[in-house]
Amino acid sequence: MMEAVEVIHCRGHENVLGLHKSTFEITKESELSPQGDCIIGVSADKGAADLSHEFRELMAKDGARLTAVFSAGGVEVTVTSDGGSGISLTHPTDLVWRRSSFVCPRTIGIYSDATAALLPRELIEVLKTGAEMTVTLKVEAE
């Protein structure tokens, strides 16, 4: 089993709603409108294309398993997702976790066990204050 770890720093925003039923996202963009109800973190220091070659290669393997730990204001949430052969991680600014199998350059994980709407409200409330968030990503694959 091979593994790679990435750490991303971002922050919340007053417009974090966490209402989307099939995805959630962090982005390097600094602004967030209320329409972005899947976005939970802004001003990220990495987008998909900034992740290491090793990490991106492992995520693109069928059977890859992603564990993402989101920590902000004393609240910690773990989300697990699958990787797969269609995952390219080439988008310059965004990382999207999906409940479905849909893959595009922004997709970091599919079949995620959480969506924006399912994330604990304690995390969403902390992020609405603009709190700093650390996202620790660990991928494991054969």
N, C-alpha and C. Protein backbone atom coordinates (compact mmCIF):
# COMPACT_ATOMS: atom_id res chain seq x y z
N MET A 1 0.85 -1.19 0.00
CA MET A 1 0.00 0.00 0.00
C MET A 1 0.89 1.25 0.00
N MET A 2 0.62 2.14 -0.94
CA MET A 2 1.36 3.40 -1.00
C MET A 2 0.46 4.51 -0.48
N GLU A 3 1.07 5.58 0.06
CA GLU A 3 0.25 6.69 0.51
C GLU A 3 0.96 8.01 0.27
N ALA A 4 0.16 9.06 0.17
CA ALA A 4 0.68 10.42 0.02
C ALA A 4 -0.22 11.33 0.85
N VAL A 5 0.39 12.37 1.41
CA VAL A 5 -0.35 13.31 2.26
C VAL A 5 -0.14 14.72 1.75
N GLU A 6 -1.21 15.50 1.78
CA GLU A 6 -1.16 16.93 1.43
C GLU A 6 -1.88 17.69 2.53
N VAL A 7 -1.40 18.90 2.83
CA VAL A 7 -2.08 19.77 3.79
C VAL A 7 -2.42 21.07 3.09
N ILE A 8 -3.68 21.47 3.22
CA ILE A 8 -4.17 22.71 2.59
C ILE A 8 -4.68 23.63 3.69
N HIS A 9 -4.33 24.90 3.58
CA HIS A 9 -4.83 25.90 4.51
C HIS A 9 -5.80 26.80 3.76
N CYS A 10 -6.97 27.00 4.35
CA CYS A 10 -7.96 27.89 3.77
C CYS A 10 -8.71 28.55 4.93
N ARG A 11 -9.79 29.24 4.62
CA ARG A 11 -10.58 29.85 5.68
C ARG A 11 -12.05 29.83 5.29
N GLY A 12 -12.87 30.05 6.28
CA GLY A 12 -14.30 30.16 6.02
C GLY A 12 -14.64 31.54 5.49
N HIS A 13 -15.93 31.81 5.39
CA HIS A 13 -16.42 33.08 4.83
C HIS A 13 -17.83 33.28 5.37
N GLU A 14 -18.25 34.54 5.52
CA GLU A 14 -19.60 34.79 6.06
C GLU A 14 -20.71 34.18 5.22
N ASN A 15 -20.44 33.92 3.92
CA ASN A 15 -21.46 33.34 3.04
C ASN A 15 -21.41 31.81 2.95
N VAL A 16 -20.61 31.16 3.79
CA VAL A 16 -20.61 29.69 3.81
C VAL A 16 -21.99 29.23 4.30
N LEU A 17 -22.66 28.44 3.47
CA LEU A 17 -24.00 27.95 3.81
C LEU A 17 -24.01 26.44 4.06
N GLY A 18 -23.21 25.71 3.30
CA GLY A 18 -23.16 24.26 3.47
C GLY A 18 -24.49 23.58 3.23
N LEU A 19 -25.15 23.91 2.12
CA LEU A 19 -26.48 23.37 1.84
C LEU A 19 -26.52 22.38 0.68
N HIS A 20 -25.47 22.32 -0.13
CA HIS A 20 -25.50 21.50 -1.34
C HIS A 20 -25.66 20.02 -0.98
N LYS A 21 -26.52 19.33 -1.71
CA LYS A 21 -26.86 17.95 -1.37
C LYS A 21 -25.99 16.89 -2.03
N SER A 22 -25.11 17.28 -2.98
CA SER A 22 -24.32 16.24 -3.65
C SER A 22 -22.82 16.51 -3.67
N THR A 23 -22.39 17.72 -3.29
CA THR A 23 -20.96 18.04 -3.31
C THR A 23 -20.59 18.96 -2.16
N PHE A 24 -19.27 19.13 -1.97
CA PHE A 24 -18.76 20.30 -1.27
C PHE A 24 -17.40 20.62 -1.85
N GLU A 25 -16.94 21.86 -1.59
CA GLU A 25 -15.78 22.37 -2.31
C GLU A 25 -14.95 23.30 -1.43
N ILE A 26 -13.63 23.30 -1.69
CA ILE A 26 -12.77 24.38 -1.22
C ILE A 26 -12.12 24.99 -2.46
N THR A 27 -11.79 26.29 -2.39
CA THR A 27 -11.29 27.00 -3.56
C THR A 27 -10.21 27.99 -3.18
N LYS A 28 -9.35 28.31 -4.14
CA LYS A 28 -8.34 29.34 -3.96
C LYS A 28 -8.96 30.73 -4.07
N GLU A 29 -10.15 30.82 -4.67
CA GLU A 29 -10.83 32.12 -4.80
C GLU A 29 -11.05 32.70 -3.40
N SER A 30 -11.04 34.03 -3.29
CA SER A 30 -11.19 34.65 -1.96
C SER A 30 -12.61 35.09 -1.67
N GLU A 31 -13.42 35.27 -2.70
CA GLU A 31 -14.79 35.73 -2.48
C GLU A 31 -15.78 34.58 -2.67
N LEU A 32 -16.92 34.71 -2.02
CA LEU A 32 -17.96 33.69 -2.08
C LEU A 32 -19.32 34.37 -2.04
N SER A 33 -20.12 34.09 -3.06
CA SER A 33 -21.49 34.63 -3.06
C SER A 33 -22.41 33.61 -2.40
N PRO A 34 -23.59 34.04 -1.94
CA PRO A 34 -24.53 33.09 -1.33
C PRO A 34 -24.97 31.97 -2.29
N GLN A 35 -24.77 32.14 -3.59
CA GLN A 35 -25.13 31.09 -4.55
C GLN A 35 -24.17 29.90 -4.44
N GLY A 36 -22.97 30.11 -3.88
CA GLY A 36 -21.98 29.03 -3.79
C GLY A 36 -22.23 28.17 -2.57
N ASP A 37 -23.40 27.52 -2.54
CA ASP A 37 -23.80 26.81 -1.32
C ASP A 37 -23.08 25.48 -1.10
N CYS A 38 -22.16 25.13 -2.01
CA CYS A 38 -21.34 23.92 -1.80
C CYS A 38 -19.97 24.29 -1.24
N ILE A 39 -19.57 25.55 -1.32
CA ILE A 39 -18.22 25.96 -0.94
C ILE A 39 -18.14 26.15 0.58
N ILE A 40 -17.17 25.44 1.19
CA ILE A 40 -16.99 25.57 2.64
C ILE A 40 -15.68 26.27 2.99
N GLY A 41 -14.77 26.41 2.03
CA GLY A 41 -13.50 27.07 2.32
C GLY A 41 -13.02 27.89 1.14
N VAL A 42 -12.50 29.10 1.43
CA VAL A 42 -11.98 30.00 0.40
C VAL A 42 -10.52 30.34 0.71
N SER A 43 -9.88 31.02 -0.22
CA SER A 43 -8.48 31.44 -0.06
C SER A 43 -7.54 30.26 0.24
N ALA A 44 -7.82 29.12 -0.37
CA ALA A 44 -6.99 27.93 -0.16
C ALA A 44 -5.60 28.18 -0.74
N ASP A 45 -4.59 27.60 -0.10
CA ASP A 45 -3.23 27.76 -0.62
C ASP A 45 -2.89 26.74 -1.70
N LYS A 46 -3.83 25.84 -2.01
CA LYS A 46 -3.63 24.89 -3.10
C LYS A 46 -4.97 24.61 -3.80
N GLY A 47 -4.91 24.48 -5.12
CA GLY A 47 -6.02 23.96 -5.90
C GLY A 47 -5.63 22.56 -6.36
N ALA A 48 -6.48 21.93 -7.14
CA ALA A 48 -6.21 20.55 -7.59
C ALA A 48 -4.86 20.43 -8.28
N ALA A 49 -4.55 21.37 -9.16
CA ALA A 49 -3.31 21.29 -9.94
C ALA A 49 -2.06 21.52 -9.09
N ASP A 50 -2.21 22.05 -7.88
CA ASP A 50 -1.07 22.31 -7.00
C ASP A 50 -0.68 21.10 -6.16
N LEU A 51 -1.51 20.07 -6.15
CA LEU A 51 -1.19 18.87 -5.36
C LEU A 51 0.00 18.15 -6.00
N SER A 52 0.77 17.46 -5.18
CA SER A 52 1.98 16.80 -5.68
C SER A 52 1.66 15.78 -6.77
N HIS A 53 2.63 15.56 -7.63
CA HIS A 53 2.48 14.56 -8.69
C HIS A 53 2.17 13.20 -8.09
N GLU A 54 2.87 12.85 -7.00
CA GLU A 54 2.66 11.56 -6.34
C GLU A 54 1.22 11.42 -5.84
N PHE A 55 0.70 12.47 -5.20
CA PHE A 55 -0.66 12.45 -4.68
C PHE A 55 -1.66 12.28 -5.82
N ARG A 56 -1.48 13.08 -6.88
CA ARG A 56 -2.41 13.03 -8.02
C ARG A 56 -2.36 11.66 -8.70
N GLU A 57 -1.18 11.08 -8.80
CA GLU A 57 -1.03 9.75 -9.42
C GLU A 57 -1.78 8.68 -8.61
N LEU A 58 -1.63 8.73 -7.28
CA LEU A 58 -2.31 7.74 -6.44
C LEU A 58 -3.83 7.92 -6.49
N MET A 59 -4.31 9.17 -6.50
CA MET A 59 -5.76 9.40 -6.55
C MET A 59 -6.37 8.88 -7.85
N ALA A 60 -5.57 8.79 -8.91
CA ALA A 60 -6.08 8.33 -10.21
C ALA A 60 -6.08 6.81 -10.35
N LYS A 61 -5.76 6.11 -9.27
CA LYS A 61 -5.79 4.64 -9.32
C LYS A 61 -7.15 4.13 -8.87
N ASP A 62 -7.68 3.16 -9.60
CA ASP A 62 -8.92 2.52 -9.16
C ASP A 62 -8.64 1.85 -7.82
N GLY A 63 -9.56 2.01 -6.88
CA GLY A 63 -9.38 1.45 -5.56
C GLY A 63 -8.71 2.39 -4.58
N ALA A 64 -8.30 3.58 -5.03
CA ALA A 64 -7.68 4.56 -4.13
C ALA A 64 -8.71 5.00 -3.09
N ARG A 65 -8.23 5.28 -1.88
CA ARG A 65 -9.10 5.71 -0.77
C ARG A 65 -8.56 7.03 -0.24
N LEU A 66 -9.40 8.05 -0.19
CA LEU A 66 -9.03 9.37 0.30
C LEU A 66 -9.67 9.61 1.67
N THR A 67 -8.84 9.98 2.63
CA THR A 67 -9.34 10.42 3.93
C THR A 67 -8.99 11.89 4.06
N ALA A 68 -10.00 12.73 4.26
CA ALA A 68 -9.81 14.17 4.39
C ALA A 68 -10.27 14.60 5.77
N VAL A 69 -9.40 15.28 6.50
CA VAL A 69 -9.74 15.77 7.83
C VAL A 69 -9.78 17.30 7.78
N PHE A 70 -10.94 17.84 8.14
CA PHE A 70 -11.18 19.28 8.13
C PHE A 70 -11.18 19.77 9.57
N SER A 71 -10.26 20.70 9.91
CA SER A 71 -10.14 21.19 11.28
C SER A 71 -10.27 22.71 11.30
N ALA A 72 -11.24 23.21 12.06
CA ALA A 72 -11.44 24.66 12.19
C ALA A 72 -12.08 24.96 13.54
N GLY A 73 -11.54 25.92 14.26
CA GLY A 73 -12.14 26.38 15.50
C GLY A 73 -12.42 25.28 16.51
N GLY A 74 -11.56 24.29 16.58
CA GLY A 74 -11.76 23.21 17.54
C GLY A 74 -12.70 22.11 17.07
N VAL A 75 -13.26 22.25 15.88
CA VAL A 75 -14.14 21.23 15.30
C VAL A 75 -13.33 20.44 14.28
N GLU A 76 -13.42 19.11 14.34
CA GLU A 76 -12.71 18.26 13.38
C GLU A 76 -13.68 17.28 12.75
N VAL A 77 -13.67 17.23 11.43
CA VAL A 77 -14.58 16.36 10.68
C VAL A 77 -13.75 15.54 9.69
N THR A 78 -14.02 14.23 9.62
CA THR A 78 -13.33 13.35 8.68
C THR A 78 -14.32 12.88 7.61
N VAL A 79 -13.89 12.98 6.36
CA VAL A 79 -14.70 12.56 5.22
C VAL A 79 -13.88 11.56 4.42
N THR A 80 -14.49 10.44 4.05
CA THR A 80 -13.79 9.47 3.20
C THR A 80 -14.44 9.42 1.82
N SER A 81 -13.60 9.22 0.82
CA SER A 81 -14.03 9.21 -0.57
C SER A 81 -13.18 8.20 -1.33
N ASP A 82 -13.60 7.89 -2.54
CA ASP A 82 -12.84 7.02 -3.42
C ASP A 82 -12.12 7.85 -4.47
N GLY A 83 -11.02 7.30 -4.95
CA GLY A 83 -10.35 7.84 -6.12
C GLY A 83 -10.75 6.99 -7.31
N GLY A 84 -10.07 7.15 -8.42
CA GLY A 84 -10.37 6.34 -9.59
C GLY A 84 -9.66 6.84 -10.83
N SER A 85 -9.70 6.03 -11.86
CA SER A 85 -8.92 6.28 -13.06
C SER A 85 -9.31 7.56 -13.80
N GLY A 86 -10.50 8.10 -13.58
CA GLY A 86 -10.88 9.33 -14.29
C GLY A 86 -10.44 10.60 -13.60
N ILE A 87 -9.88 10.50 -12.40
CA ILE A 87 -9.53 11.69 -11.63
C ILE A 87 -8.21 12.26 -12.12
N SER A 88 -8.24 13.54 -12.59
CA SER A 88 -7.04 14.16 -13.15
C SER A 88 -6.43 15.22 -12.24
N LEU A 89 -7.26 15.85 -11.40
CA LEU A 89 -6.79 16.90 -10.48
C LEU A 89 -5.95 17.95 -11.20
N THR A 90 -6.52 18.53 -12.25
CA THR A 90 -5.79 19.53 -13.03
C THR A 90 -6.38 20.94 -12.92
N HIS A 91 -7.47 21.12 -12.19
CA HIS A 91 -8.08 22.44 -12.08
C HIS A 91 -7.18 23.38 -11.28
N PRO A 92 -7.02 24.63 -11.71
CA PRO A 92 -6.09 25.53 -11.03
C PRO A 92 -6.54 26.03 -9.65
N THR A 93 -7.85 26.07 -9.39
CA THR A 93 -8.29 26.70 -8.14
C THR A 93 -9.14 25.85 -7.22
N ASP A 94 -9.86 24.86 -7.74
CA ASP A 94 -10.89 24.19 -6.95
C ASP A 94 -10.60 22.72 -6.65
N LEU A 95 -11.19 22.27 -5.53
CA LEU A 95 -11.22 20.85 -5.15
C LEU A 95 -12.65 20.53 -4.75
N VAL A 96 -13.25 19.54 -5.43
CA VAL A 96 -14.65 19.20 -5.17
C VAL A 96 -14.76 17.73 -4.76
N TRP A 97 -15.45 17.51 -3.63
CA TRP A 97 -15.80 16.17 -3.16
C TRP A 97 -17.21 15.89 -3.64
N ARG A 98 -17.44 14.70 -4.23
CA ARG A 98 -18.74 14.38 -4.82
C ARG A 98 -19.33 13.11 -4.23
N ARG A 99 -20.64 13.13 -4.06
CA ARG A 99 -21.38 11.95 -3.61
C ARG A 99 -21.51 10.95 -4.76
N SER A 100 -21.51 11.46 -5.98
CA SER A 100 -21.73 10.64 -7.17
C SER A 100 -20.38 10.18 -7.74
N SER A 101 -20.45 9.58 -8.93
CA SER A 101 -19.24 9.13 -9.61
C SER A 101 -18.77 10.13 -10.66
N PHE A 102 -19.44 11.30 -10.75
CA PHE A 102 -19.07 12.31 -11.75
C PHE A 102 -17.65 12.79 -11.51
N VAL A 103 -16.87 12.88 -12.60
CA VAL A 103 -15.48 13.30 -12.51
C VAL A 103 -15.22 14.43 -13.50
N CYS A 104 -14.53 15.47 -13.05
CA CYS A 104 -14.05 16.55 -13.91
C CYS A 104 -12.71 16.99 -13.33
N PRO A 105 -12.02 17.97 -13.93
CA PRO A 105 -10.70 18.36 -13.42
C PRO A 105 -10.70 18.87 -11.97
N ARG A 106 -11.87 19.26 -11.43
CA ARG A 106 -11.97 19.77 -10.06
C ARG A 106 -12.22 18.66 -9.04
N THR A 107 -12.61 17.48 -9.51
CA THR A 107 -13.00 16.39 -8.60
C THR A 107 -11.79 15.81 -7.87
N ILE A 108 -11.84 15.81 -6.52
CA ILE A 108 -10.79 15.16 -5.75
C ILE A 108 -11.24 13.80 -5.25
N GLY A 109 -12.54 13.63 -5.00
CA GLY A 109 -13.03 12.35 -4.52
C GLY A 109 -14.45 12.08 -4.97
N ILE A 110 -14.76 10.81 -5.20
CA ILE A 110 -16.11 10.39 -5.59
C ILE A 110 -16.66 9.45 -4.51
N TYR A 111 -17.95 9.24 -4.55
CA TYR A 111 -18.64 8.41 -3.56
C TYR A 111 -18.29 8.85 -2.13
N SER A 112 -18.21 10.17 -1.92
CA SER A 112 -17.87 10.71 -0.60
C SER A 112 -18.96 10.39 0.40
N ASP A 113 -18.57 10.20 1.66
CA ASP A 113 -19.57 9.89 2.69
C ASP A 113 -20.16 11.15 3.31
N ALA A 114 -19.87 12.33 2.72
CA ALA A 114 -20.49 13.58 3.19
C ALA A 114 -20.68 14.51 2.00
N THR A 115 -21.62 15.42 2.16
CA THR A 115 -21.85 16.51 1.22
C THR A 115 -21.91 17.77 2.08
N ALA A 116 -21.99 18.94 1.45
CA ALA A 116 -22.08 20.18 2.22
C ALA A 116 -23.25 20.11 3.20
N ALA A 117 -24.40 19.59 2.72
CA ALA A 117 -25.60 19.54 3.57
C ALA A 117 -25.47 18.54 4.72
N LEU A 118 -24.58 17.55 4.58
CA LEU A 118 -24.42 16.53 5.62
C LEU A 118 -23.28 16.83 6.59
N LEU A 119 -22.48 17.85 6.30
CA LEU A 119 -21.39 18.19 7.22
C LEU A 119 -21.99 18.69 8.54
N PRO A 120 -21.32 18.41 9.66
CA PRO A 120 -21.83 18.87 10.95
C PRO A 120 -22.02 20.39 10.96
N ARG A 121 -23.16 20.82 11.47
CA ARG A 121 -23.46 22.26 11.50
C ARG A 121 -22.46 23.02 12.36
N GLU A 122 -21.83 22.37 13.33
CA GLU A 122 -20.82 23.04 14.15
C GLU A 122 -19.68 23.54 13.27
N LEU A 123 -19.28 22.73 12.29
CA LEU A 123 -18.22 23.13 11.37
C LEU A 123 -18.68 24.31 10.52
N ILE A 124 -19.87 24.22 9.97
CA ILE A 124 -20.40 25.30 9.11
C ILE A 124 -20.48 26.61 9.90
N GLU A 125 -20.95 26.55 11.14
CA GLU A 125 -21.07 27.77 11.96
C GLU A 125 -19.70 28.39 12.23
N VAL A 126 -18.70 27.57 12.52
CA VAL A 126 -17.34 28.07 12.73
C VAL A 126 -16.82 28.73 11.44
N LEU A 127 -17.07 28.09 10.29
CA LEU A 127 -16.59 28.62 9.02
C LEU A 127 -17.28 29.93 8.64
N LYS A 128 -18.53 30.12 9.05
CA LYS A 128 -19.24 31.39 8.79
C LYS A 128 -18.54 32.57 9.45
N THR A 129 -17.75 32.31 10.49
CA THR A 129 -17.02 33.40 11.17
C THR A 129 -15.73 33.76 10.44
N GLY A 130 -15.40 33.02 9.38
CA GLY A 130 -14.16 33.28 8.64
C GLY A 130 -12.96 32.57 9.24
N ALA A 131 -13.22 31.60 10.11
CA ALA A 131 -12.14 30.88 10.80
C ALA A 131 -11.18 30.21 9.82
N GLU A 132 -9.92 30.10 10.24
CA GLU A 132 -8.92 29.36 9.48
C GLU A 132 -9.27 27.88 9.53
N MET A 133 -9.05 27.17 8.43
CA MET A 133 -9.29 25.73 8.39
C MET A 133 -8.07 25.03 7.80
N THR A 134 -7.71 23.92 8.41
CA THR A 134 -6.65 23.06 7.88
C THR A 134 -7.31 21.81 7.33
N VAL A 135 -6.96 21.46 6.11
CA VAL A 135 -7.49 20.26 5.45
C VAL A 135 -6.31 19.32 5.22
N THR A 136 -6.35 18.17 5.88
CA THR A 136 -5.29 17.18 5.72
C THR A 136 -5.83 16.04 4.87
N LEU A 137 -5.17 15.83 3.74
CA LEU A 137 -5.60 14.82 2.76
C LEU A 137 -4.61 13.67 2.78
N LYS A 138 -5.14 12.44 2.91
CA LYS A 138 -4.28 11.26 2.83
C LYS A 138 -4.90 10.29 1.84
N VAL A 139 -4.15 9.95 0.82
CA VAL A 139 -4.61 8.96 -0.16
C VAL A 139 -3.80 7.68 0.04
N GLU A 140 -4.52 6.55 -0.02
CA GLU A 140 -3.88 5.23 0.04
C GLU A 140 -4.31 4.44 -1.19
N ALA A 141 -3.36 3.81 -1.83
CA ALA A 141 -3.66 3.01 -3.02
C ALA A 141 -2.60 1.93 -3.20
N GLU A 142 -2.96 0.88 -3.92
CA GLU A 142 -2.01 -0.22 -4.21
C GLU A 142 -0.98 0.27 -5.20
